[in-house]
């Protein structure tokens, strides 16, 4: 399952207040890559990796690999991914600036 498939598989009513979720629902998938979102348990907490590399259009195409020892529902998985993507601490102005710059290809090339 890709991140896009996960986003579309949950009840959108649960995420009415999440700007990030709304953005993920409407983002156009791009080419992606051979990256995978990794989900595992580290020190008793769900750890999500590989959600900060690539454009948002790329990230939604990444398949999600869940550690076989981890029993997690789709909602818990999506919550953990949204938490990691949002970097838990963006203010409204930070979030707005982030989305304004996210599709800036020049900055994406600099970061890569």
Protein backbone atom coordinates (compact mmCIF):
# COMPACT_ATOMS: atom_id res chain seq x y z
CA UNK A 1 0.00 0.00 0.00
CA UNK A 2 1.28 3.49 -0.83
CA UNK A 3 0.80 6.58 1.33
CA UNK A 4 -1.80 7.85 -1.15
CA UNK A 5 -3.76 4.60 -0.88
CA UNK A 6 -3.61 4.83 2.91
CA UNK A 7 -4.82 8.44 2.90
CA UNK A 8 -7.73 7.56 0.65
CA UNK A 9 -8.65 4.45 2.65
CA UNK A 10 -9.49 6.16 5.96
CA UNK A 11 -12.62 8.12 6.86
CA UNK A 12 -11.85 11.73 5.87
CA UNK A 13 -14.26 13.03 8.52
CA UNK A 14 -11.70 12.05 11.18
CA UNK A 15 -9.19 14.47 9.66
CA UNK A 16 -11.31 17.55 8.97
CA UNK A 17 -8.99 19.65 11.16
CA UNK A 18 -5.75 18.40 9.59
CA UNK A 19 -4.41 20.72 6.90
CA UNK A 20 -1.69 18.19 6.14
CA UNK A 21 -4.21 15.39 5.57
CA UNK A 22 -6.26 17.65 3.30
CA UNK A 23 -3.12 18.50 1.32
CA UNK A 24 -2.20 14.81 0.98
CA UNK A 25 -5.71 14.04 -0.31
CA UNK A 26 -5.49 16.60 -3.09
CA UNK A 27 -1.80 16.37 -4.05
CA UNK A 28 -1.15 14.99 -7.52
CA UNK A 29 1.10 11.92 -7.36
CA UNK A 30 4.38 12.35 -9.19
CA UNK A 31 6.96 9.89 -10.38
CA UNK A 32 8.11 8.62 -7.02
CA UNK A 33 11.25 6.60 -6.70
CA UNK A 34 12.43 3.34 -5.27
CA UNK A 35 12.13 4.70 -1.71
CA UNK A 36 9.81 3.09 0.82
CA UNK A 37 8.30 4.54 3.98
CA UNK A 38 9.63 2.41 6.82
CA UNK A 39 7.50 1.81 9.93
CA UNK A 40 8.90 0.03 12.98
CA UNK A 41 8.86 0.03 16.75
CA UNK A 42 11.87 1.72 18.37
CA UNK A 43 12.09 1.97 22.16
CA UNK A 44 8.35 1.36 22.45
CA UNK A 45 7.37 4.08 19.96
CA UNK A 46 6.35 3.88 16.32
CA UNK A 47 9.20 5.22 14.18
CA UNK A 48 8.55 6.48 10.66
CA UNK A 49 11.41 7.06 8.22
CA UNK A 50 11.76 8.20 4.58
CA UNK A 51 8.90 10.72 4.60
CA UNK A 52 11.13 13.78 4.31
CA UNK A 53 12.98 12.94 1.10
CA UNK A 54 11.38 14.01 -2.16
CA UNK A 55 8.50 16.24 -3.09
CA UNK A 56 5.12 15.66 -1.49
CA UNK A 57 3.93 14.28 -4.84
CA UNK A 58 6.76 11.74 -4.69
CA UNK A 59 6.18 10.84 -1.04
CA UNK A 60 2.53 9.90 -1.59
CA UNK A 61 3.68 7.27 -4.12
CA UNK A 62 6.10 5.56 -1.71
CA UNK A 63 5.04 2.07 -0.61
CA UNK A 64 4.75 1.62 3.17
CA UNK A 65 6.79 -1.20 4.71
CA UNK A 66 5.60 -2.13 8.20
CA UNK A 67 7.79 -4.25 10.47
CA UNK A 68 6.22 -7.69 10.79
CA UNK A 69 6.30 -7.47 14.60
CA UNK A 70 4.22 -4.27 14.62
CA UNK A 71 0.44 -4.58 14.90
CA UNK A 72 -0.99 -1.20 13.86
CA UNK A 73 -4.33 -0.07 12.42
CA UNK A 74 -4.60 2.12 9.33
CA UNK A 75 -5.69 5.09 11.45
CA UNK A 76 -2.78 4.64 13.88
CA UNK A 77 -0.41 4.31 10.93
CA UNK A 78 -1.72 7.43 9.22
CA UNK A 79 -1.61 9.37 12.51
CA UNK A 80 2.05 8.39 13.00
CA UNK A 81 2.95 9.38 9.43
CA UNK A 82 1.11 12.73 9.69
CA UNK A 83 2.86 13.37 13.01
CA UNK A 84 6.26 12.70 11.43
CA UNK A 85 5.50 14.75 8.32
CA UNK A 86 4.28 17.72 10.36
CA UNK A 87 7.42 17.66 12.51
CA UNK A 88 5.17 18.15 15.56
CA UNK A 89 5.63 21.82 16.26
CA UNK A 90 4.86 23.88 13.19
CA UNK A 91 3.01 27.05 14.02
CA UNK A 92 0.30 28.15 11.59
CA UNK A 93 2.68 30.61 9.93
CA UNK A 94 5.43 27.97 9.73
CA UNK A 95 2.98 25.53 8.19
CA UNK A 96 1.80 28.09 5.65
CA UNK A 97 5.39 28.94 4.68
CA UNK A 98 6.20 25.24 4.44
CA UNK A 99 3.37 24.53 1.99
CA UNK A 100 4.13 27.67 -0.01
CA UNK A 101 7.72 26.48 -0.49
CA UNK A 102 7.11 22.73 -0.73
CA UNK A 103 6.53 22.72 -4.47
CA UNK A 104 9.42 25.09 -5.18
CA UNK A 105 11.55 22.90 -7.44
CA UNK A 106 14.60 25.11 -7.08
CA UNK A 107 14.64 24.55 -3.30
CA UNK A 108 14.00 20.83 -3.79
CA UNK A 109 17.10 20.59 -6.01
CA UNK A 110 19.17 22.37 -3.37
CA UNK A 111 17.97 20.02 -0.64
CA UNK A 112 18.64 16.89 -2.71
